[in-house]
Amino acid sequence: MRDAHFPRQAPIEAYGHGGFRFAQMSHRGSILVLRSGIYGWSVTDPRKITESSLKRLFNEAIKPDLMLIGTGRKLEPAATGIRLVCAEHGIQIDVMDTGAAVRTYNVLLAEYRSVGAALIAVD
């Protein structure tokens, strides 16, 4: 059975209260935003971002040039291993708190830039 997802990229309309709003829908929990769509993402702690948790990103047919990582309410550095594996796939990452990542993602998407986002939900 295929995982449920929204089948394209869309601006993030709102975040907080443990989830996100996009395309006039809401999702409770973290999300992974890729060219192929917006997916629920099980990561709730930035220290749990691993190569395995980003597997869907690495399996994308068309990978984003830039992947924003929203680490929750505050900025947490990405593990060196994540930076290296993303670089091996030709993906640059930029890590910031989730609010900044949402705002940056929306601006870059509006500019038709090749961008994705891994966003940890905040309360």
Protein backbone atom coordinates (compact mmCIF):
# COMPACT_ATOMS: atom_id res chain seq x y z
CA MET A 1 0.00 0.00 0.00
CA ARG A 2 1.30 3.44 -0.95
CA ASP A 3 1.92 6.00 1.79
CA ALA A 4 -0.63 8.80 1.84
CA HIS A 5 0.73 12.12 0.67
CA PHE A 6 -0.21 15.35 -1.07
CA PRO A 7 0.96 14.76 -4.67
CA ARG A 8 2.89 17.97 -5.35
CA GLN A 9 4.80 20.76 -3.66
CA ALA A 10 2.73 23.55 -2.15
CA PRO A 11 3.42 26.61 -0.01
CA ILE A 12 3.13 26.05 3.73
CA GLU A 13 0.22 28.24 4.84
CA ALA A 14 0.73 27.85 8.60
CA TYR A 15 2.68 25.87 11.18
CA GLY A 16 2.37 25.28 14.90
CA HIS A 17 0.05 23.39 17.24
CA GLY A 18 1.96 20.24 16.34
CA GLY A 19 1.46 20.39 12.58
CA PHE A 20 1.22 22.26 9.30
CA ARG A 21 -1.38 23.67 6.89
CA PHE A 22 -0.87 23.52 3.13
CA ALA A 23 -3.17 23.39 0.10
CA GLN A 24 -6.12 24.20 2.40
CA MET A 25 -5.47 20.96 4.31
CA SER A 26 -3.82 20.25 7.63
CA HIS A 27 -1.37 17.61 8.79
CA ARG A 28 -0.50 16.80 12.38
CA GLY A 29 3.18 15.94 12.84
CA SER A 30 6.39 16.58 10.94
CA ILE A 31 6.54 16.69 7.14
CA LEU A 32 8.95 16.01 4.32
CA VAL A 33 8.36 18.32 1.33
CA LEU A 34 9.77 17.07 -1.95
CA ARG A 35 9.11 17.70 -5.62
CA SER A 36 6.97 14.54 -5.71
CA GLY A 37 4.78 15.74 -2.85
CA ILE A 38 4.35 16.40 0.84
CA TYR A 39 4.72 13.36 3.09
CA GLY A 40 4.25 12.69 6.79
CA TRP A 41 7.67 12.36 8.43
CA SER A 42 8.15 10.47 11.70
CA VAL A 43 11.05 12.58 13.01
CA THR A 44 10.24 14.63 16.14
CA ASP A 45 13.78 15.27 17.42
CA PRO A 46 16.53 16.84 15.30
CA ARG A 47 19.06 14.38 16.75
CA LYS A 48 17.01 11.60 15.10
CA ILE A 49 17.57 12.95 11.57
CA THR A 50 19.50 10.16 9.90
CA GLU A 51 20.26 8.88 6.44
CA SER A 52 17.44 6.39 6.97
CA SER A 53 14.92 9.08 7.95
CA LEU A 54 15.78 10.95 4.72
CA LYS A 55 15.60 7.84 2.52
CA ARG A 56 12.62 9.21 0.57
CA LEU A 57 14.71 12.29 -0.33
CA PHE A 58 17.57 10.18 -1.62
CA ASN A 59 15.18 8.00 -3.67
CA GLU A 60 13.61 10.98 -5.46
CA ALA A 61 13.95 10.91 -9.26
CA ILE A 62 14.64 14.67 -9.25
CA LYS A 63 16.41 15.76 -6.09
CA PRO A 64 16.26 19.38 -4.89
CA ASP A 65 19.40 21.51 -5.17
CA LEU A 66 18.72 22.79 -1.65
CA MET A 67 17.09 20.94 1.24
CA LEU A 68 15.97 23.05 4.19
CA ILE A 69 15.89 21.31 7.54
CA GLY A 70 13.64 22.81 10.19
CA THR A 71 14.80 21.53 13.58
CA GLY A 72 11.81 22.56 15.67
CA ARG A 73 11.45 25.57 17.93
CA LYS A 74 15.20 26.25 18.01
CA LEU A 75 18.15 25.72 15.71
CA GLU A 76 20.02 22.46 16.26
CA PRO A 77 23.09 21.64 14.14
CA ALA A 78 22.85 18.81 11.63
CA ALA A 79 25.03 15.77 12.11
CA THR A 80 28.16 15.81 9.96
CA GLY A 81 27.08 12.50 8.45
CA ILE A 82 23.86 14.04 7.13
CA ARG A 83 25.76 16.85 5.44
CA LEU A 84 28.12 14.33 3.84
CA VAL A 85 25.44 11.96 2.54
CA CYS A 86 23.43 14.89 1.15
CA ALA A 87 26.55 16.21 -0.58
CA GLU A 88 27.13 12.75 -2.09
CA HIS A 89 23.66 13.06 -3.65
CA GLY A 90 24.36 16.61 -4.90
CA ILE A 91 22.06 18.19 -2.32
CA GLN A 92 23.07 21.23 -0.29
CA ILE A 93 21.38 21.53 3.11
CA ASP A 94 20.59 24.56 5.21
CA VAL A 95 19.57 23.97 8.83
CA MET A 96 17.43 26.43 10.79
CA ASP A 97 14.51 26.47 13.20
CA THR A 98 11.21 25.31 11.69
CA GLY A 99 9.68 28.80 11.46
CA ALA A 100 12.64 30.14 9.48
CA ALA A 101 12.67 27.02 7.31
CA VAL A 102 8.96 27.43 6.45
CA ARG A 103 9.41 31.09 5.52
CA THR A 104 12.54 30.39 3.46
CA TYR A 105 10.90 27.43 1.71
CA ASN A 106 7.89 29.56 0.73
CA VAL A 107 10.07 32.33 -0.72
CA LEU A 108 12.26 29.91 -2.70
CA LEU A 109 9.24 27.94 -3.96
CA ALA A 110 7.62 31.20 -5.15
CA GLU A 111 10.87 31.93 -7.04
CA TYR A 112 10.60 28.49 -8.74
CA ARG A 113 13.85 27.37 -7.12
CA SER A 114 14.73 23.70 -6.68
CA VAL A 115 13.99 23.37 -2.96
CA GLY A 116 12.73 20.77 -0.52
CA ALA A 117 12.17 20.81 3.22
CA ALA A 118 12.28 18.44 6.17
CA LEU A 119 10.21 20.16 8.85
CA ILE A 120 9.88 19.07 12.47
CA ALA A 121 6.50 20.11 13.87
CA VAL A 122 6.35 22.59 16.75
CA ASP A 123 3.63 23.15 19.37
